[in-house]
Amino acid sequence: MHSVGTVDILVIQPLVALIFGILILAIPRALNYLVAIYLIFIGIVGLWPHFAGHPLFG
């Protein structure tokens, strides 16, 4: 069972990808910025358990 403070990465990644995909279709010139933001976001979420000192799941 997840506590209130945990983030389910399996839900966040597809949601962010869907939102960014729609934005890329609407504003093609924003592709570089959206890809950069996505990669930074996924990197931070992936490294967060190591910074916080406890695992994200479990």
C-alpha atoms as a PDB file:
ATOM      1  CA  MET A   1       0.000   0.000   0.000  1.00  0.00           C
ATOM      2  CA  HIS A   2       1.325   3.437  -0.889  1.00  0.00           C
ATOM      3  CA  SER A   3       1.473   6.163   1.687  1.00  0.00           C
ATOM      4  CA  VAL A   4       0.273   9.677   0.916  1.00  0.00           C
ATOM      5  CA  GLY A   5       3.790  10.975   0.196  1.00  0.00           C
ATOM      6  CA  THR A   6       4.834   8.344  -2.345  1.00  0.00           C
ATOM      7  CA  VAL A   7       4.722   8.858  -6.090  1.00  0.00           C
ATOM      8  CA  ASP A   8       3.828   6.041  -8.449  1.00  0.00           C
ATOM      9  CA  ILE A   9       6.279   6.468 -11.340  1.00  0.00           C
ATOM     10  CA  LEU A  10       4.311   3.972 -13.419  1.00  0.00           C
ATOM     11  CA  VAL A  11       1.427   6.455 -13.471  1.00  0.00           C
ATOM     12  CA  ILE A  12       3.432   9.662 -13.854  1.00  0.00           C
ATOM     13  CA  GLN A  13       5.555   8.713 -16.883  1.00  0.00           C
ATOM     14  CA  PRO A  14       2.673   7.862 -19.253  1.00  0.00           C
ATOM     15  CA  LEU A  15       0.712  10.895 -18.062  1.00  0.00           C
ATOM     16  CA  VAL A  16       3.623  13.269 -18.707  1.00  0.00           C
ATOM     17  CA  ALA A  17       4.294  11.618 -22.076  1.00  0.00           C
ATOM     18  CA  LEU A  18       0.641  12.030 -23.088  1.00  0.00           C
ATOM     19  CA  ILE A  19       0.537  15.697 -22.084  1.00  0.00           C
ATOM     20  CA  PHE A  20       3.810  16.459 -23.859  1.00  0.00           C
ATOM     21  CA  GLY A  21       2.682  14.547 -26.958  1.00  0.00           C
ATOM     22  CA  ILE A  22      -0.459  16.662 -27.179  1.00  0.00           C
ATOM     23  CA  LEU A  23       1.573  19.846 -26.671  1.00  0.00           C
ATOM     24  CA  ILE A  24       4.018  18.805 -29.415  1.00  0.00           C
ATOM     25  CA  LEU A  25       1.108  18.308 -31.810  1.00  0.00           C
ATOM     26  CA  ALA A  26      -0.329  21.699 -30.868  1.00  0.00           C
ATOM     27  CA  ILE A  27       2.987  23.607 -30.774  1.00  0.00           C
ATOM     28  CA  PRO A  28       5.631  21.809 -32.883  1.00  0.00           C
ATOM     29  CA  ARG A  29       8.245  24.519 -32.232  1.00  0.00           C
ATOM     30  CA  ALA A  30       8.192  23.596 -28.528  1.00  0.00           C
ATOM     31  CA  LEU A  31       9.580  20.095 -29.230  1.00  0.00           C
ATOM     32  CA  ASN A  32      13.128  20.819 -27.995  1.00  0.00           C
ATOM     33  CA  TYR A  33      11.917  22.415 -24.765  1.00  0.00           C
ATOM     34  CA  LEU A  34       9.365  19.698 -24.035  1.00  0.00           C
ATOM     35  CA  VAL A  35      11.864  16.897 -24.607  1.00  0.00           C
ATOM     36  CA  ALA A  36      14.408  18.626 -22.371  1.00  0.00           C
ATOM     37  CA  ILE A  37      11.834  19.183 -19.615  1.00  0.00           C
ATOM     38  CA  TYR A  38      10.676  15.553 -19.882  1.00  0.00           C
ATOM     39  CA  LEU A  39      14.212  14.184 -19.606  1.00  0.00           C
ATOM     40  CA  ILE A  40      15.030  16.419 -16.630  1.00  0.00           C
ATOM     41  CA  PHE A  41      11.764  15.441 -14.921  1.00  0.00           C
ATOM     42  CA  ILE A  42      12.292  11.705 -15.427  1.00  0.00           C
ATOM     43  CA  GLY A  43      15.904  12.026 -14.249  1.00  0.00           C
ATOM     44  CA  ILE A  44      14.884  13.826 -11.049  1.00  0.00           C
ATOM     45  CA  VAL A  45      12.064  11.372 -10.323  1.00  0.00           C
ATOM     46  CA  GLY A  46      14.416   8.448 -10.943  1.00  0.00           C
ATOM     47  CA  LEU A  47      17.139   9.813  -8.688  1.00  0.00           C
ATOM     48  CA  TRP A  48      14.853  11.169  -5.963  1.00  0.00           C
ATOM     49  CA  PRO A  49      14.911   7.976  -3.826  1.00  0.00           C
ATOM     50  CA  HIS A  50      18.711   8.175  -3.673  1.00  0.00           C
ATOM     51  CA  PHE A  51      18.607  11.823  -2.607  1.00  0.00           C
ATOM     52  CA  ALA A  52      15.857  11.268  -0.068  1.00  0.00           C
ATOM     53  CA  GLY A  53      17.658   8.259   1.432  1.00  0.00           C
ATOM     54  CA  HIS A  54      14.786   5.794   1.151  1.00  0.00           C
ATOM     55  CA  PRO A  55      13.298   3.675  -1.640  1.00  0.00           C
ATOM     56  CA  LEU A  56      10.327   4.938  -3.612  1.00  0.00           C
ATOM     57  CA  PHE A  57       8.524   1.622  -3.368  1.00  0.00           C
ATOM     58  CA  GLY A  58       8.272  -0.753  -0.467  1.00  0.00           C
END
